[in-house]
Amino acid sequence: MQNPYTDFSSVNPQREDGHREIETSIFQALTRAGLSGLEYSLVLLIIDKTWGWNKTEDMIPLVQFVEGTRQDKSYIIRGLKSLEKRHIIVVQHVPGGGRGRGNVYMFNKHWDTWLTGPLKETVTGSHPLEPVTAGRETVPDSHPLPSNSAPESPFVNGDQESPFDAGKGDKSAGKGDLYARGKGDHTSPSIETIETLNRKKDIKTPSSEAIELAKLLKGLISRNNPKAKTPDDITKWATDMDRMLKIDHRTPEEIKYIIEFSQNDSFWCANILSAGKLRDKFDQLYLRAKEKEKSSAEKKEKGGSHAGREPQRQAQPRKRPITYTRGSGEDTGGED
């Protein structure tokens, strides 16, 4: 069969260009593991970083997972925790790991020790995919959700319209069966959709630290531009600060440092005008702040040996005063 996309492609991968070998039983175990799309991406990335370089383990910074999967950092952290909980990967947590460093990851090739039971979608747990608890009806691995999942899940509550069927019509199979697609097609919701639903749920009252940080940002923005449009109610800003603290794992000191840097920098003070924008650009701001701090320290160190000294003035030749003898009109003086 001829590939109809060949003429439209700019790449032509070949086996001799490099490949990753995965033993057959492991490959088959992965295909029936029932992982989410992101979890599969994380597993493949770990295999690439380890087996792809003839290693059994590797230290992988979080930024490499972000670049490799193009997913939000918070999703990746939850996905890695889920894979570790299911024994699919082994993680050696590095205490106090700074930027550029990461935990050590290993893919568990002993697939018979994996915990891959029937799964359900949820918006109430710590991760979008969790094992079905005991006592509930189980279904074949091929089905995306058990038929009697918790009623709080928006995907099986018969009183709500499925977010995946909105505007498309029909729930011909009746309440609870929102996966009827006409010809028996079954589509599992994506992690991104679940996270979106999570964010739409009621948010708890922001912490006092988050409120103080939001007030600091608002105050500095108003200082730079008294006519700036800042909200009277800073609850939303405080919520974004809480997300930075609890989801992104920033410390209050780090956030305060970046807020002050952004509002004292001529470029960033015109671009960081909300807590949401601060969160989106946090990594860029951190790198820029450290770069500026380093540059300032180098300049100070370079000029330290000459600091406080005034340039010496070049000595000028001294002149003797010119004197005259009264009545003679002759010059009796001159230069030395």
C-alpha atoms as a PDB file:
ATOM      1  CA  MET A   1       0.000   0.000   0.000  1.00  0.00           C
ATOM      2  CA  GLN A   2       1.296   3.427  -0.887  1.00  0.00           C
ATOM      3  CA  ASN A   3       1.456   6.080   1.830  1.00  0.00           C
ATOM      4  CA  PRO A   4      -0.644   9.033   0.594  1.00  0.00           C
ATOM      5  CA  TYR A   5       1.253  11.450   2.841  1.00  0.00           C
ATOM      6  CA  THR A   6       4.737  10.785   1.472  1.00  0.00           C
ATOM      7  CA  ASP A   7       4.626  13.588  -1.107  1.00  0.00           C
ATOM      8  CA  PHE A   8       3.566  16.111   1.546  1.00  0.00           C
ATOM      9  CA  SER A   9       6.229  15.241   4.135  1.00  0.00           C
ATOM     10  CA  SER A  10       9.597  16.930   4.648  1.00  0.00           C
ATOM     11  CA  VAL A  11      11.048  14.036   6.700  1.00  0.00           C
ATOM     12  CA  ASN A  12      11.889  10.435   5.812  1.00  0.00           C
ATOM     13  CA  PRO A  13      12.886   8.495   8.979  1.00  0.00           C
ATOM     14  CA  GLN A  14      14.782   5.249   8.440  1.00  0.00           C
ATOM     15  CA  ARG A  15      15.745   2.487  10.891  1.00  0.00           C
ATOM     16  CA  GLU A  16      19.442   3.083  10.276  1.00  0.00           C
ATOM     17  CA  ASP A  17      19.021   6.688  11.477  1.00  0.00           C
ATOM     18  CA  GLY A  18      18.481   5.354  15.023  1.00  0.00           C
ATOM     19  CA  HIS A  19      15.750   3.552  16.922  1.00  0.00           C
ATOM     20  CA  ARG A  20      14.668   2.414  20.387  1.00  0.00           C
ATOM     21  CA  GLU A  21      14.340  -1.314  21.025  1.00  0.00           C
ATOM     22  CA  ILE A  22      11.557  -2.465  23.379  1.00  0.00           C
ATOM     23  CA  GLU A  23      11.124  -6.134  24.204  1.00  0.00           C
ATOM     24  CA  THR A  24       7.857  -7.584  22.857  1.00  0.00           C
ATOM     25  CA  SER A  25       6.166  -8.457  26.154  1.00  0.00           C
ATOM     26  CA  ILE A  26       6.901  -4.971  27.545  1.00  0.00           C
ATOM     27  CA  PHE A  27       5.495  -3.348  24.416  1.00  0.00           C
ATOM     28  CA  GLN A  28       2.329  -5.452  24.653  1.00  0.00           C
ATOM     29  CA  ALA A  29       1.986  -4.699  28.387  1.00  0.00           C
ATOM     30  CA  LEU A  30       2.163  -0.957  27.630  1.00  0.00           C
ATOM     31  CA  THR A  31      -0.549  -1.199  24.963  1.00  0.00           C
ATOM     32  CA  ARG A  32      -2.994  -2.727  27.445  1.00  0.00           C
ATOM     33  CA  ALA A  33      -1.929  -0.708  30.506  1.00  0.00           C
ATOM     34  CA  GLY A  34      -4.797   1.757  30.079  1.00  0.00           C
ATOM     35  CA  LEU A  35      -2.635   4.842  30.625  1.00  0.00           C
ATOM     36  CA  SER A  36      -3.682   8.350  29.692  1.00  0.00           C
ATOM     37  CA  GLY A  37      -2.146  10.079  26.702  1.00  0.00           C
ATOM     38  CA  LEU A  38       0.149  12.165  28.882  1.00  0.00           C
ATOM     39  CA  GLU A  39       1.222   9.145  30.916  1.00  0.00           C
ATOM     40  CA  TYR A  40       2.191   7.296  27.734  1.00  0.00           C
ATOM     41  CA  SER A  41       4.207  10.349  26.659  1.00  0.00           C
ATOM     42  CA  LEU A  42       6.026  10.442  30.000  1.00  0.00           C
ATOM     43  CA  VAL A  43       6.822   6.712  29.865  1.00  0.00           C
ATOM     44  CA  LEU A  44       8.193   6.992  26.316  1.00  0.00           C
ATOM     45  CA  LEU A  45      10.289  10.014  27.265  1.00  0.00           C
ATOM     46  CA  ILE A  46      11.822   8.139  30.215  1.00  0.00           C
ATOM     47  CA  ILE A  47      12.549   5.127  27.980  1.00  0.00           C
ATOM     48  CA  ASP A  48      14.159   7.450  25.433  1.00  0.00           C
ATOM     49  CA  LYS A  49      16.376   9.123  28.061  1.00  0.00           C
ATOM     50  CA  THR A  50      17.457   5.803  29.583  1.00  0.00           C
ATOM     51  CA  TRP A  51      17.302   2.810  27.248  1.00  0.00           C
ATOM     52  CA  GLY A  52      17.844   5.094  24.271  1.00  0.00           C
ATOM     53  CA  TRP A  53      21.291   5.889  25.656  1.00  0.00           C
ATOM     54  CA  ASN A  54      22.078   2.413  27.005  1.00  0.00           C
ATOM     55  CA  LYS A  55      21.300   3.434  30.579  1.00  0.00           C
ATOM     56  CA  THR A  56      18.937   1.962  33.135  1.00  0.00           C
ATOM     57  CA  GLU A  57      18.294   5.286  34.904  1.00  0.00           C
ATOM     58  CA  ASP A  58      18.804   8.985  34.312  1.00  0.00           C
ATOM     59  CA  MET A  59      18.442  12.291  36.140  1.00  0.00           C
ATOM     60  CA  ILE A  60      15.763  14.178  34.187  1.00  0.00           C
ATOM     61  CA  PRO A  61      14.968  17.818  35.084  1.00  0.00           C
ATOM     62  CA  LEU A  62      11.322  18.829  34.982  1.00  0.00           C
ATOM     63  CA  VAL A  63      12.026  21.280  32.169  1.00  0.00           C
ATOM     64  CA  GLN A  64      12.928  18.335  29.898  1.00  0.00           C
ATOM     65  CA  PHE A  65       9.535  16.739  30.541  1.00  0.00           C
ATOM     66  CA  VAL A  66       7.890  20.076  29.668  1.00  0.00           C
ATOM     67  CA  GLU A  67       9.881  20.415  26.435  1.00  0.00           C
ATOM     68  CA  GLY A  68       9.417  16.752  25.508  1.00  0.00           C
ATOM     69  CA  THR A  69       5.640  16.573  26.047  1.00  0.00           C
ATOM     70  CA  ARG A  70       4.641  20.230  25.561  1.00  0.00           C
ATOM     71  CA  GLN A  71       2.332  19.953  28.549  1.00  0.00           C
ATOM     72  CA  ASP A  72       1.862  22.142  31.601  1.00  0.00           C
ATOM     73  CA  LYS A  73       4.228  21.476  34.491  1.00  0.00           C
ATOM     74  CA  SER A  74       1.394  20.777  36.937  1.00  0.00           C
ATOM     75  CA  TYR A  75      -0.051  18.033  34.664  1.00  0.00           C
ATOM     76  CA  ILE A  76       3.388  16.438  34.339  1.00  0.00           C
ATOM     77  CA  ILE A  77       3.974  16.351  38.100  1.00  0.00           C
ATOM     78  CA  ARG A  78       0.635  14.586  38.643  1.00  0.00           C
ATOM     79  CA  GLY A  79       1.299  12.188  35.761  1.00  0.00           C
ATOM     80  CA  LEU A  80       4.692  11.175  37.159  1.00  0.00           C
ATOM     81  CA  LYS A  81       3.189  10.634  40.610  1.00  0.00           C
ATOM     82  CA  SER A  82       0.512   8.396  39.078  1.00  0.00           C
ATOM     83  CA  LEU A  83       3.079   6.321  37.165  1.00  0.00           C
ATOM     84  CA  GLU A  84       5.178   5.925  40.305  1.00  0.00           C
ATOM     85  CA  LYS A  85       2.095   4.920  42.306  1.00  0.00           C
ATOM     86  CA  ARG A  86       1.296   2.244  39.712  1.00  0.00           C
ATOM     87  CA  HIS A  87       4.894   0.904  39.849  1.00  0.00           C
ATOM     88  CA  ILE A  88       5.418   1.629  36.135  1.00  0.00           C
ATOM     89  CA  ILE A  89       8.369   3.889  36.905  1.00  0.00           C
ATOM     90  CA  VAL A  90      10.789   4.018  39.837  1.00  0.00           C
ATOM     91  CA  VAL A  91      11.756   7.469  41.120  1.00  0.00           C
ATOM     92  CA  GLN A  92      14.670   8.434  43.327  1.00  0.00           C
ATOM     93  CA  HIS A  93      13.697  11.825  44.721  1.00  0.00           C
ATOM     94  CA  VAL A  94      16.638  14.217  44.968  1.00  0.00           C
ATOM     95  CA  PRO A  95      16.267  16.398  48.089  1.00  0.00           C
ATOM     96  CA  GLY A  96      16.718  20.125  47.583  1.00  0.00           C
ATOM     97  CA  GLY A  97      17.122  19.808  43.832  1.00  0.00           C
ATOM     98  CA  GLY A  98      17.640  23.221  42.263  1.00  0.00           C
ATOM     99  CA  ARG A  99      17.081  24.494  38.763  1.00  0.00           C
ATOM    100  CA  GLY A 100      18.713  22.355  36.105  1.00  0.00           C
ATOM    101  CA  ARG A 101      18.577  19.290  38.359  1.00  0.00           C
ATOM    102  CA  GLY A 102      15.915  16.646  38.621  1.00  0.00           C
ATOM    103  CA  ASN A 103      14.943  13.363  40.192  1.00  0.00           C
ATOM    104  CA  VAL A 104      16.400  10.087  38.947  1.00  0.00           C
ATOM    105  CA  TYR A 105      13.934   8.023  36.880  1.00  0.00           C
ATOM    106  CA  MET A 106      13.910   4.351  35.892  1.00  0.00           C
ATOM    107  CA  PHE A 107      11.359   2.465  33.785  1.00  0.00           C
ATOM    108  CA  ASN A 108      10.178  -0.696  35.593  1.00  0.00           C
ATOM    109  CA  LYS A 109      10.474  -3.437  32.997  1.00  0.00           C
ATOM    110  CA  HIS A 110       8.886  -6.015  35.317  1.00  0.00           C
ATOM    111  CA  TRP A 111       5.419  -5.361  33.948  1.00  0.00           C
ATOM    112  CA  ASP A 112       3.811  -8.096  36.065  1.00  0.00           C
ATOM    113  CA  THR A 113       4.330  -5.841  39.108  1.00  0.00           C
ATOM    114  CA  TRP A 114       2.438  -2.894  37.572  1.00  0.00           C
ATOM    115  CA  LEU A 115      -0.863  -1.823  39.094  1.00  0.00           C
ATOM    116  CA  THR A 116      -3.074  -1.388  36.031  1.00  0.00           C
ATOM    117  CA  GLY A 117      -6.624  -2.275  37.014  1.00  0.00           C
ATOM    118  CA  PRO A 118      -9.793  -0.806  35.494  1.00  0.00           C
ATOM    119  CA  LEU A 119      -9.712   2.982  35.530  1.00  0.00           C
ATOM    120  CA  LYS A 120     -12.197   5.781  35.939  1.00  0.00           C
ATOM    121  CA  GLU A 121     -12.121   9.467  35.067  1.00  0.00           C
ATOM    122  CA  THR A 122     -12.536  11.855  37.985  1.00  0.00           C
ATOM    123  CA  VAL A 123     -12.393  15.560  38.691  1.00  0.00           C
ATOM    124  CA  THR A 124     -12.306  15.143  42.462  1.00  0.00           C
ATOM    125  CA  GLY A 125      -9.110  13.140  43.012  1.00  0.00           C
ATOM    126  CA  SER A 126      -5.482  14.219  42.938  1.00  0.00           C
ATOM    127  CA  HIS A 127      -4.954  12.778  39.465  1.00  0.00           C
ATOM    128  CA  PRO A 128      -7.299  12.496  36.462  1.00  0.00           C
ATOM    129  CA  LEU A 129      -6.985   8.721  36.454  1.00  0.00           C
ATOM    130  CA  GLU A 130      -7.399   6.553  39.566  1.00  0.00           C
ATOM    131  CA  PRO A 131      -7.951   2.825  40.163  1.00  0.00           C
ATOM    132  CA  VAL A 132     -11.582   1.832  40.659  1.00  0.00           C
ATOM    133  CA  THR A 133     -12.270   1.244  44.344  1.00  0.00           C
ATOM    134  CA  ALA A 134     -13.400  -2.138  45.628  1.00  0.00           C
ATOM    135  CA  GLY A 135     -17.110  -2.900  45.546  1.00  0.00           C
ATOM    136  CA  ARG A 136     -17.847  -1.133  42.296  1.00  0.00           C
ATOM    137  CA  GLU A 137     -18.756  -2.892  39.108  1.00  0.00           C
ATOM    138  CA  THR A 138     -15.780  -3.625  36.875  1.00  0.00           C
ATOM    139  CA  VAL A 139     -15.809  -3.458  33.114  1.00  0.00           C
ATOM    140  CA  PRO A 140     -13.549  -4.782  30.360  1.00  0.00           C
ATOM    141  CA  ASP A 141     -10.274  -2.929  29.827  1.00  0.00           C
ATOM    142  CA  SER A 142     -11.498  -1.700  26.467  1.00  0.00           C
ATOM    143  CA  HIS A 143     -14.199   0.506  28.006  1.00  0.00           C
ATOM    144  CA  PRO A 144     -12.986   3.972  29.062  1.00  0.00           C
ATOM    145  CA  LEU A 145     -15.127   4.235  32.207  1.00  0.00           C
ATOM    146  CA  PRO A 146     -17.001   1.897  34.547  1.00  0.00           C
ATOM    147  CA  SER A 147     -20.752   2.164  34.060  1.00  0.00           C
ATOM    148  CA  ASN A 148     -21.469   3.180  37.654  1.00  0.00           C
ATOM    149  CA  SER A 149     -18.706   5.668  38.441  1.00  0.00           C
ATOM    150  CA  ALA A 150     -19.167   8.119  41.297  1.00  0.00           C
ATOM    151  CA  PRO A 151     -22.181  10.380  40.707  1.00  0.00           C
ATOM    152  CA  GLU A 152     -20.076  13.498  41.219  1.00  0.00           C
ATOM    153  CA  SER A 153     -18.218  12.799  37.982  1.00  0.00           C
ATOM    154  CA  PRO A 154     -19.562  15.050  35.189  1.00  0.00           C
ATOM    155  CA  PHE A 155     -19.043  12.267  32.671  1.00  0.00           C
ATOM    156  CA  VAL A 156     -21.663   9.914  34.130  1.00  0.00           C
ATOM    157  CA  ASN A 157     -24.165  12.160  35.864  1.00  0.00           C
ATOM    158  CA  GLY A 158     -27.390  11.758  33.941  1.00  0.00           C
ATOM    159  CA  ASP A 159     -28.644  15.200  35.019  1.00  0.00           C
ATOM    160  CA  GLN A 160     -25.808  16.976  33.224  1.00  0.00           C
ATOM    161  CA  GLU A 161     -24.972  17.264  29.588  1.00  0.00           C
ATOM    162  CA  SER A 162     -21.695  15.700  28.621  1.00  0.00           C
ATOM    163  CA  PRO A 163     -19.070  18.361  27.809  1.00  0.00           C
ATOM    164  CA  PHE A 164     -18.009  16.162  24.901  1.00  0.00           C
ATOM    165  CA  ASP A 165     -21.533  15.871  23.431  1.00  0.00           C
ATOM    166  CA  ALA A 166     -22.568  19.507  23.876  1.00  0.00           C
ATOM    167  CA  GLY A 167     -24.045  20.755  20.621  1.00  0.00           C
ATOM    168  CA  LYS A 168     -23.673  17.365  18.944  1.00  0.00           C
ATOM    169  CA  GLY A 169     -26.955  15.742  19.950  1.00  0.00           C
ATOM    170  CA  ASP A 170     -27.871  12.593  20.958  1.00  0.00           C
ATOM    171  CA  LYS A 171     -27.795  10.602  24.102  1.00  0.00           C
ATOM    172  CA  SER A 172     -29.738   7.789  22.474  1.00  0.00           C
ATOM    173  CA  ALA A 173     -28.684   5.278  25.115  1.00  0.00           C
ATOM    174  CA  GLY A 174     -30.419   7.245  27.888  1.00  0.00           C
ATOM    175  CA  LYS A 175     -29.174   8.757  31.120  1.00  0.00           C
ATOM    176  CA  GLY A 176     -25.745   7.741  32.324  1.00  0.00           C
ATOM    177  CA  ASP A 177     -24.567   6.400  28.991  1.00  0.00           C
ATOM    178  CA  LEU A 178     -23.047   9.516  27.502  1.00  0.00           C
ATOM    179  CA  TYR A 179     -20.569   7.642  25.365  1.00  0.00           C
ATOM    180  CA  ALA A 180     -23.025   6.468  22.698  1.00  0.00           C
ATOM    181  CA  ARG A 181     -21.588   7.700  19.410  1.00  0.00           C
ATOM    182  CA  GLY A 182     -23.968   6.041  16.957  1.00  0.00           C
ATOM    183  CA  LYS A 183     -21.720   3.216  15.797  1.00  0.00           C
ATOM    184  CA  GLY A 184     -20.321   2.118  19.109  1.00  0.00           C
ATOM    185  CA  ASP A 185     -17.295   4.421  19.091  1.00  0.00           C
ATOM    186  CA  HIS A 186     -15.972   5.162  22.588  1.00  0.00           C
ATOM    187  CA  THR A 187     -13.912   8.272  23.269  1.00  0.00           C
ATOM    188  CA  SER A 188     -12.197   8.842  26.598  1.00  0.00           C
ATOM    189  CA  PRO A 189     -11.970  12.447  27.824  1.00  0.00           C
ATOM    190  CA  SER A 190      -8.516  14.024  27.721  1.00  0.00           C
ATOM    191  CA  ILE A 191      -6.559  15.177  30.750  1.00  0.00           C
ATOM    192  CA  GLU A 192      -6.739  18.756  29.448  1.00  0.00           C
ATOM    193  CA  THR A 193     -10.541  18.653  29.461  1.00  0.00           C
ATOM    194  CA  ILE A 194     -10.605  17.267  33.000  1.00  0.00           C
ATOM    195  CA  GLU A 195      -8.252  20.004  34.214  1.00  0.00           C
ATOM    196  CA  THR A 196     -10.467  22.637  32.590  1.00  0.00           C
ATOM    197  CA  LEU A 197     -13.452  21.266  34.502  1.00  0.00           C
ATOM    198  CA  ASN A 198     -11.400  21.268  37.694  1.00  0.00           C
ATOM    199  CA  ARG A 199     -10.657  24.964  37.288  1.00  0.00           C
ATOM    200  CA  LYS A 200     -14.334  25.755  36.799  1.00  0.00           C
ATOM    201  CA  LYS A 201     -15.255  24.182  40.119  1.00  0.00           C
ATOM    202  CA  ASP A 202     -15.608  26.385  43.203  1.00  0.00           C
ATOM    203  CA  ILE A 203     -12.248  27.573  44.501  1.00  0.00           C
ATOM    204  CA  LYS A 204     -11.538  27.662  48.223  1.00  0.00           C
ATOM    205  CA  THR A 205     -10.676  30.901  49.984  1.00  0.00           C
ATOM    206  CA  PRO A 206      -7.100  31.957  49.098  1.00  0.00           C
ATOM    207  CA  SER A 207      -4.453  31.704  51.799  1.00  0.00           C
ATOM    208  CA  SER A 208      -3.262  34.762  53.721  1.00  0.00           C
ATOM    209  CA  GLU A 209       0.164  34.500  52.037  1.00  0.00           C
ATOM    210  CA  ALA A 210      -1.470  34.569  48.605  1.00  0.00           C
ATOM    211  CA  ILE A 211      -3.558  37.616  49.540  1.00  0.00           C
ATOM    212  CA  GLU A 212      -0.479  39.509  50.767  1.00  0.00           C
ATOM    213  CA  LEU A 213       1.403  38.705  47.549  1.00  0.00           C
ATOM    214  CA  ALA A 214      -1.562  39.862  45.456  1.00  0.00           C
ATOM    215  CA  LYS A 215      -1.682  43.114  47.449  1.00  0.00           C
ATOM    216  CA  LEU A 216       2.051  43.628  46.877  1.00  0.00           C
ATOM    217  CA  LEU A 217       1.679  43.175  43.115  1.00  0.00           C
ATOM    218  CA  LYS A 218      -1.311  45.522  42.962  1.00  0.00           C
ATOM    219  CA  GLY A 219       0.495  48.166  45.020  1.00  0.00           C
ATOM    220  CA  LEU A 220       3.615  48.140  42.830  1.00  0.00           C
ATOM    221  CA  ILE A 221       1.570  48.270  39.619  1.00  0.00           C
ATOM    222  CA  SER A 222      -0.345  51.283  40.968  1.00  0.00           C
ATOM    223  CA  ARG A 223       2.926  52.917  41.992  1.00  0.00           C
ATOM    224  CA  ASN A 224       4.270  52.643  38.449  1.00  0.00           C
ATOM    225  CA  ASN A 225       0.996  53.776  36.891  1.00  0.00           C
ATOM    226  CA  PRO A 226      -1.632  55.345  39.173  1.00  0.00           C
ATOM    227  CA  LYS A 227      -4.197  54.980  36.368  1.00  0.00           C
ATOM    228  CA  ALA A 228      -3.550  51.268  35.814  1.00  0.00           C
ATOM    229  CA  LYS A 229      -6.662  49.069  35.729  1.00  0.00           C
ATOM    230  CA  THR A 230      -6.334  46.852  38.784  1.00  0.00           C
ATOM    231  CA  PRO A 231      -9.240  44.908  40.319  1.00  0.00           C
ATOM    232  CA  ASP A 232     -10.911  46.158  43.473  1.00  0.00           C
ATOM    233  CA  ASP A 233     -11.471  42.545  44.510  1.00  0.00           C
ATOM    234  CA  ILE A 234      -8.107  40.748  44.406  1.00  0.00           C
ATOM    235  CA  THR A 235      -9.535  37.276  45.080  1.00  0.00           C
ATOM    236  CA  LYS A 236      -8.735  36.076  41.551  1.00  0.00           C
ATOM    237  CA  TRP A 237      -5.181  37.392  41.802  1.00  0.00           C
ATOM    238  CA  ALA A 238      -4.795  35.738  45.203  1.00  0.00           C
ATOM    239  CA  THR A 239      -6.065  32.467  43.713  1.00  0.00           C
ATOM    240  CA  ASP A 240      -3.385  32.638  41.012  1.00  0.00           C
ATOM    241  CA  MET A 241      -0.808  33.274  43.740  1.00  0.00           C
ATOM    242  CA  ASP A 242      -2.110  30.192  45.587  1.00  0.00           C
ATOM    243  CA  ARG A 243      -1.687  28.127  42.424  1.00  0.00           C
ATOM    244  CA  MET A 244       1.917  29.253  42.207  1.00  0.00           C
ATOM    245  CA  LEU A 245       2.441  28.243  45.835  1.00  0.00           C
ATOM    246  CA  LYS A 246       0.591  24.902  45.830  1.00  0.00           C
ATOM    247  CA  ILE A 247       0.721  23.667  42.232  1.00  0.00           C
ATOM    248  CA  ASP A 248       3.930  25.221  40.887  1.00  0.00           C
ATOM    249  CA  HIS A 249       5.698  24.777  44.254  1.00  0.00           C
ATOM    250  CA  ARG A 250       7.076  28.321  44.396  1.00  0.00           C
ATOM    251  CA  THR A 251       8.052  29.729  47.780  1.00  0.00           C
ATOM    252  CA  PRO A 252       6.577  33.033  49.026  1.00  0.00           C
ATOM    253  CA  GLU A 253      10.077  34.520  48.971  1.00  0.00           C
ATOM    254  CA  GLU A 254      10.586  33.534  45.318  1.00  0.00           C
ATOM    255  CA  ILE A 255       7.251  35.043  44.285  1.00  0.00           C
ATOM    256  CA  LYS A 256       7.942  38.265  46.192  1.00  0.00           C
ATOM    257  CA  TYR A 257      11.395  38.488  44.577  1.00  0.00           C
ATOM    258  CA  ILE A 258       9.933  38.096  41.081  1.00  0.00           C
ATOM    259  CA  ILE A 259       7.086  40.562  41.757  1.00  0.00           C
ATOM    260  CA  GLU A 260       9.562  43.233  42.842  1.00  0.00           C
ATOM    261  CA  PHE A 261      11.889  42.516  39.923  1.00  0.00           C
ATOM    262  CA  SER A 262       9.073  42.647  37.356  1.00  0.00           C
ATOM    263  CA  GLN A 263       7.785  46.000  38.626  1.00  0.00           C
ATOM    264  CA  ASN A 264      11.260  47.562  38.887  1.00  0.00           C
ATOM    265  CA  ASP A 265      12.267  46.519  35.367  1.00  0.00           C
ATOM    266  CA  SER A 266      11.437  49.013  32.596  1.00  0.00           C
ATOM    267  CA  PHE A 267      10.363  46.297  30.165  1.00  0.00           C
ATOM    268  CA  TRP A 268       8.541  43.838  32.410  1.00  0.00           C
ATOM    269  CA  CYS A 269       6.593  46.439  34.403  1.00  0.00           C
ATOM    270  CA  ALA A 270       4.669  47.247  31.217  1.00  0.00           C
ATOM    271  CA  ASN A 271       3.913  43.563  30.564  1.00  0.00           C
ATOM    272  CA  ILE A 272       3.201  42.042  33.993  1.00  0.00           C
ATOM    273  CA  LEU A 273      -0.104  43.656  34.925  1.00  0.00           C
ATOM    274  CA  SER A 274      -1.875  40.729  36.600  1.00  0.00           C
ATOM    275  CA  ALA A 275      -1.148  37.697  38.769  1.00  0.00           C
ATOM    276  CA  GLY A 276      -2.087  35.352  35.916  1.00  0.00           C
ATOM    277  CA  LYS A 277       0.497  36.965  33.640  1.00  0.00           C
ATOM    278  CA  LEU A 278       3.080  36.742  36.414  1.00  0.00           C
ATOM    279  CA  ARG A 279       2.435  33.002  36.695  1.00  0.00           C
ATOM    280  CA  ASP A 280       2.654  32.454  32.928  1.00  0.00           C
ATOM    281  CA  LYS A 281       5.980  34.292  32.643  1.00  0.00           C
ATOM    282  CA  PHE A 282       7.463  33.227  35.991  1.00  0.00           C
ATOM    283  CA  ASP A 283      10.301  31.086  34.586  1.00  0.00           C
ATOM    284  CA  GLN A 284      11.328  33.768  32.090  1.00  0.00           C
ATOM    285  CA  LEU A 285      11.258  36.399  34.817  1.00  0.00           C
ATOM    286  CA  TYR A 286      13.318  34.227  37.155  1.00  0.00           C
ATOM    287  CA  LEU A 287      16.028  33.605  34.559  1.00  0.00           C
ATOM    288  CA  ARG A 288      16.115  37.281  33.576  1.00  0.00           C
ATOM    289  CA  ALA A 289      16.328  38.399  37.216  1.00  0.00           C
ATOM    290  CA  LYS A 290      19.196  36.032  37.959  1.00  0.00           C
ATOM    291  CA  GLU A 291      20.981  37.064  34.766  1.00  0.00           C
ATOM    292  CA  LYS A 292      20.668  40.735  35.696  1.00  0.00           C
ATOM    293  CA  GLU A 293      21.786  40.027  39.249  1.00  0.00           C
ATOM    294  CA  LYS A 294      24.852  38.159  38.008  1.00  0.00           C
ATOM    295  CA  SER A 295      25.728  40.918  35.519  1.00  0.00           C
ATOM    296  CA  SER A 296      25.446  43.564  38.234  1.00  0.00           C
ATOM    297  CA  ALA A 297      27.687  41.558  40.571  1.00  0.00           C
ATOM    298  CA  GLU A 298      30.327  41.115  37.859  1.00  0.00           C
ATOM    299  CA  LYS A 299      30.377  44.840  37.102  1.00  0.00           C
ATOM    300  CA  LYS A 300      30.705  45.659  40.789  1.00  0.00           C
ATOM    301  CA  GLU A 301      33.553  43.170  41.218  1.00  0.00           C
ATOM    302  CA  LYS A 302      35.323  44.412  38.100  1.00  0.00           C
ATOM    303  CA  GLY A 303      35.228  48.036  39.171  1.00  0.00           C
ATOM    304  CA  GLY A 304      35.945  47.337  42.840  1.00  0.00           C
ATOM    305  CA  SER A 305      39.723  47.785  42.652  1.00  0.00           C
ATOM    306  CA  HIS A 306      39.334  51.282  41.172  1.00  0.00           C
ATOM    307  CA  ALA A 307      36.282  52.347  43.154  1.00  0.00           C
ATOM    308  CA  GLY A 308      36.688  55.595  45.115  1.00  0.00           C
ATOM    309  CA  ARG A 309      39.943  56.590  43.431  1.00  0.00           C
ATOM    310  CA  GLU A 310      40.194  59.845  41.520  1.00  0.00           C
ATOM    311  CA  PRO A 311      42.435  60.036  38.464  1.00  0.00           C
ATOM    312  CA  GLN A 312      45.796  61.639  39.135  1.00  0.00           C
ATOM    313  CA  ARG A 313      46.430  64.960  37.472  1.00  0.00           C
ATOM    314  CA  GLN A 314      49.447  65.296  35.228  1.00  0.00           C
ATOM    315  CA  ALA A 315      52.132  67.518  36.716  1.00  0.00           C
ATOM    316  CA  GLN A 316      52.476  70.875  34.916  1.00  0.00           C
ATOM    317  CA  PRO A 317      55.835  72.652  34.504  1.00  0.00           C
ATOM    318  CA  ARG A 318      56.302  75.462  37.009  1.00  0.00           C
ATOM    319  CA  LYS A 319      57.024  78.973  35.786  1.00  0.00           C
ATOM    320  CA  ARG A 320      59.133  81.601  37.522  1.00  0.00           C
ATOM    321  CA  PRO A 321      57.559  85.028  37.813  1.00  0.00           C
ATOM    322  CA  ILE A 322      58.830  87.672  35.398  1.00  0.00           C
ATOM    323  CA  THR A 323      60.567  90.639  37.111  1.00  0.00           C
ATOM    324  CA  TYR A 324      61.697  93.931  35.667  1.00  0.00           C
ATOM    325  CA  THR A 325      64.559  96.272  36.735  1.00  0.00           C
ATOM    326  CA  ARG A 326      63.215  99.753  37.241  1.00  0.00           C
ATOM    327  CA  GLY A 327      64.319 102.045  34.505  1.00  0.00           C
ATOM    328  CA  SER A 328      66.044  99.458  32.360  1.00  0.00           C
ATOM    329  CA  GLY A 329      62.935  97.884  30.769  1.00  0.00           C
ATOM    330  CA  GLU A 330      64.777  94.609  30.456  1.00  0.00           C
ATOM    331  CA  ASP A 331      63.289  91.184  31.319  1.00  0.00           C
ATOM    332  CA  THR A 332      65.401  89.523  33.961  1.00  0.00           C
ATOM    333  CA  GLY A 333      63.161  86.487  34.496  1.00  0.00           C
ATOM    334  CA  GLY A 334      61.906  83.586  32.422  1.00  0.00           C
ATOM    335  CA  GLU A 335      61.190  79.920  32.398  1.00  0.00           C
ATOM    336  CA  ASP A 336      63.489  77.437  34.036  1.00  0.00           C
END
